[in-house]
Each structure stands twice: as structure tokens, then as C-alpha cells.
Protein backbone atom coordinates (compact mmCIF):
# COMPACT_ATOMS: atom_id res chain seq x y z
CA UNK A 1 11.89 -17.34 1.62
CA UNK A 2 10.12 -14.46 -0.30
CA UNK A 3 11.30 -13.67 -3.75
CA UNK A 4 10.72 -10.24 -5.09
CA UNK A 5 10.85 -9.29 -8.79
CA UNK A 6 11.69 -5.69 -9.96
CA UNK A 7 12.08 -4.97 -13.68
CA UNK A 8 13.01 -1.99 -15.90
CA UNK A 9 15.30 -0.46 -18.56
CA UNK A 10 18.09 0.98 -15.88
CA UNK A 11 19.55 3.09 -18.63
CA UNK A 12 21.72 5.94 -16.93
CA UNK A 13 21.49 4.62 -13.56
CA UNK A 14 20.12 7.27 -11.16
CA UNK A 15 19.05 7.63 -7.51
CA UNK A 16 15.27 6.72 -8.43
CA UNK A 17 16.56 3.32 -9.70
CA UNK A 18 18.39 2.85 -6.54
CA UNK A 19 15.53 3.69 -4.31
CA UNK A 20 13.35 1.52 -6.40
CA UNK A 21 15.63 -1.54 -5.93
CA UNK A 22 16.11 -0.88 -2.15
CA UNK A 23 12.37 -0.53 -1.48
CA UNK A 24 11.68 -3.86 -3.53
CA UNK A 25 14.26 -5.44 -1.48
CA UNK A 26 12.75 -4.60 1.72
CA UNK A 27 9.62 -6.61 0.76
CA UNK A 28 11.32 -9.87 0.73
CA UNK A 29 14.35 -11.96 1.16
CA UNK A 30 15.72 -12.20 -2.38
CA UNK A 31 15.59 -9.58 -4.90
CA UNK A 32 15.73 -10.51 -8.64
CA UNK A 33 15.90 -7.82 -11.22
CA UNK A 34 14.73 -8.20 -14.91
CA UNK A 35 16.45 -5.91 -17.37
CA UNK A 36 14.55 -4.97 -20.62
CA UNK A 37 16.29 -6.05 -23.72
CA UNK A 38 17.55 -3.38 -26.25
CA UNK A 39 14.81 -4.51 -28.69
CA UNK A 40 12.16 -3.97 -25.90
CA UNK A 41 13.38 -0.72 -24.83
CA UNK A 42 13.37 0.38 -28.44
CA UNK A 43 9.88 -0.63 -28.88
CA UNK A 44 8.41 0.74 -25.61
CA UNK A 45 10.46 3.74 -24.72
CA UNK A 46 13.74 5.04 -26.63
CA UNK A 47 16.81 4.15 -28.15
CA UNK A 48 18.91 2.60 -25.08
CA UNK A 49 22.00 4.87 -24.21
CA UNK A 50 23.76 1.54 -23.00
CA UNK A 51 23.34 -1.72 -24.22
CA UNK A 52 21.41 -4.71 -22.29
CA UNK A 53 24.63 -6.47 -21.36
CA UNK A 54 26.31 -3.23 -19.79
CA UNK A 55 22.92 -2.41 -17.96
CA UNK A 56 22.67 -6.10 -16.82
CA UNK A 57 26.27 -6.04 -15.38
CA UNK A 58 25.78 -2.67 -13.64
CA UNK A 59 22.46 -3.70 -11.99
CA UNK A 60 24.00 -7.27 -10.89
CA UNK A 61 26.71 -5.21 -8.90
CA UNK A 62 24.35 -3.24 -6.81
CA UNK A 63 24.05 -4.00 -3.13
CA UNK A 64 20.17 -4.57 -2.90
CA UNK A 65 20.42 -6.98 -6.00
CA UNK A 66 20.65 -10.74 -5.51
CA UNK A 67 20.18 -11.71 -9.08
CA UNK A 68 19.75 -9.85 -12.39
CA UNK A 69 18.58 -11.27 -15.59
CA UNK A 70 17.67 -10.15 -19.20
CA UNK A 71 13.83 -10.03 -19.91
CA UNK A 72 12.26 -11.83 -23.04
CA UNK A 73 11.40 -9.83 -25.88
CA UNK A 74 8.13 -11.45 -26.85
CA UNK A 75 6.21 -12.10 -23.84
CA UNK A 76 7.00 -10.25 -20.58
CA UNK A 77 5.22 -13.01 -18.42
CA UNK A 78 7.54 -15.82 -19.60
CA UNK A 79 10.31 -14.48 -17.31
CA UNK A 80 7.66 -14.43 -14.41
CA UNK A 81 6.78 -17.98 -15.06
CA UNK A 82 10.62 -18.88 -14.89
CA UNK A 83 11.57 -16.84 -11.85
CA UNK A 84 8.41 -17.60 -9.84
CA UNK A 85 8.31 -14.57 -7.63
CA UNK A 86 6.27 -14.06 -4.57
CA UNK A 87 5.96 -10.34 -5.10
CA UNK A 88 6.43 -8.16 -8.28
CA UNK A 89 7.09 -4.63 -7.75
CA UNK A 90 6.37 -1.79 -9.93
CA UNK A 91 7.93 1.66 -9.77
CA UNK A 92 5.66 4.53 -9.29
CA UNK A 93 6.43 5.90 -12.74
CA UNK A 94 6.17 2.51 -14.63
CA UNK A 95 3.17 2.52 -17.03
CA UNK A 96 1.98 -0.84 -16.34
CA UNK A 97 -1.63 -1.37 -15.47
CA UNK A 98 -1.85 -3.27 -12.29
CA UNK A 99 -5.15 -4.84 -12.94
CA UNK A 100 -4.18 -6.07 -16.32
CA UNK A 101 -1.08 -7.80 -14.93
CA UNK A 102 -3.09 -9.30 -12.00
CA UNK A 103 -5.53 -10.67 -14.61
CA UNK A 104 -2.70 -11.93 -16.73
CA UNK A 105 -1.14 -13.62 -13.85
CA UNK A 106 -4.25 -15.19 -12.77
CA UNK A 107 -4.96 -16.54 -16.20
CA UNK A 108 -1.46 -18.22 -16.10
CA UNK A 109 -1.89 -19.63 -12.72
CA UNK A 110 0.84 -17.31 -11.22
CA UNK A 111 0.31 -16.42 -7.40
CA UNK A 112 2.28 -13.29 -7.31
CA UNK A 113 1.39 -10.27 -5.52
CA UNK A 114 1.82 -6.96 -7.49
CA UNK A 115 2.93 -3.93 -5.38
CA UNK A 116 3.23 -0.37 -6.74
CA UNK A 117 5.89 1.54 -4.85
CA UNK A 118 5.41 5.14 -3.67
CA UNK A 119 6.60 8.23 -5.48
CA UNK A 120 10.30 9.20 -5.11
CA UNK A 121 11.12 12.79 -5.39
CA UNK A 122 14.89 13.66 -5.99
CA UNK A 123 16.79 16.00 -8.39
CA UNK A 124 17.54 13.93 -11.51
CA UNK A 125 15.69 10.86 -10.44
CA UNK A 126 14.92 9.97 -14.17
CA UNK A 127 16.83 9.06 -17.19
CA UNK A 128 14.84 11.77 -19.35
CA UNK A 129 15.80 14.37 -16.51
CA UNK A 130 19.58 13.50 -16.88
CA UNK A 131 19.37 13.73 -20.63
CA UNK A 132 17.55 16.99 -20.46
CA UNK A 133 20.08 18.40 -18.09
CA UNK A 134 22.94 17.33 -20.24
CA UNK A 135 21.20 19.02 -23.29
CA UNK A 136 20.83 22.14 -21.23
CA UNK A 137 24.42 22.24 -20.37
CA UNK A 138 25.47 21.49 -23.89
CA UNK A 139 23.43 24.39 -25.17
CA UNK A 140 24.66 26.70 -22.45
CA UNK A 141 28.18 25.86 -23.11
CA UNK A 142 27.74 26.35 -26.83
CA UNK A 143 26.27 29.96 -26.29
CA UNK A 144 29.18 30.78 -23.92
CA UNK A 145 31.71 29.70 -26.74
CA UNK A 146 29.87 31.69 -29.21
CA UNK A 147 30.09 34.87 -26.98
CA UNK A 148 33.93 34.11 -26.26
CA UNK A 149 34.44 33.74 -30.16
CA UNK A 150 32.90 37.11 -30.82
CA UNK A 151 35.52 38.79 -28.52
């Protein structure tokens, strides 16, 4: 049985997330997804829109996902040691350095293969794109309201 591990924030779930998980699942028999904790997201990316427990429950409910767990805050390799995946997938836009990951896995005696998945292009395939579209819509709506109020 081949265990695949995918990880991420999964804030404002979108088609890019689903593609990442579906492609990860194709590489093995079991897909375990590690959800970044709120404090990790704050340190590395942004203020999460939805909290870690909401993100965890949503990801758990997705069809390709067999199991989902919260990651650790202090050491991202600790969860890898616990889960013992055969394959670790990285999304095309994740800012992880594959060489550094492979070196640390080797140092810890973890025999997992790291696979970078190919780029996926779709409208609104990223959380930042979704946020920008909402801001754009809000700005447009505000201008329309101003025009309407001048009449």
C-alpha cells in the first residue's frame, strides 16, 4: 500500500486545491493531507480567513482525501515521521525547496519520495486570486453606489 502525503493551508478552498489533491491521490493508494495550523499560516503566509479546525473538516470531507490531520507548529518534519508516507507531493506553487526537503528527509532516515506536481491553470485557482476578485467586486460596487447616490 502506497501512502501519499499532501500538505497546505487550504484556506478558501478552490479548484487548484482540488486538482492538487486529486493528482496526489493518483500517485498511491491512501492520501493523507496535512493542514497547516493557524500560527504556521500567520508565520509563513497571511492571516487565515478560516480557522484550522474549519479547514481540517472541509478537507476531510473531500472525495480524494482518506485522512486529514493538523500539522505541527515547530517542526514540519515531525508529522512526516509520524505519518511515514511513501510519497510527499508539493503543489507547483508551494515555496518548498525540494533539495532541502530531500536532505532533511535523508538526515532523519525517512525514505519518502518528493514529487512536485505540474502547474494547473484555471480561473481563481489561488486564494489570493479569489481575494483580489472580491476586493475588485467590492470596489466596483462602491463606485456604483456613489454614482447612484449622486442622482
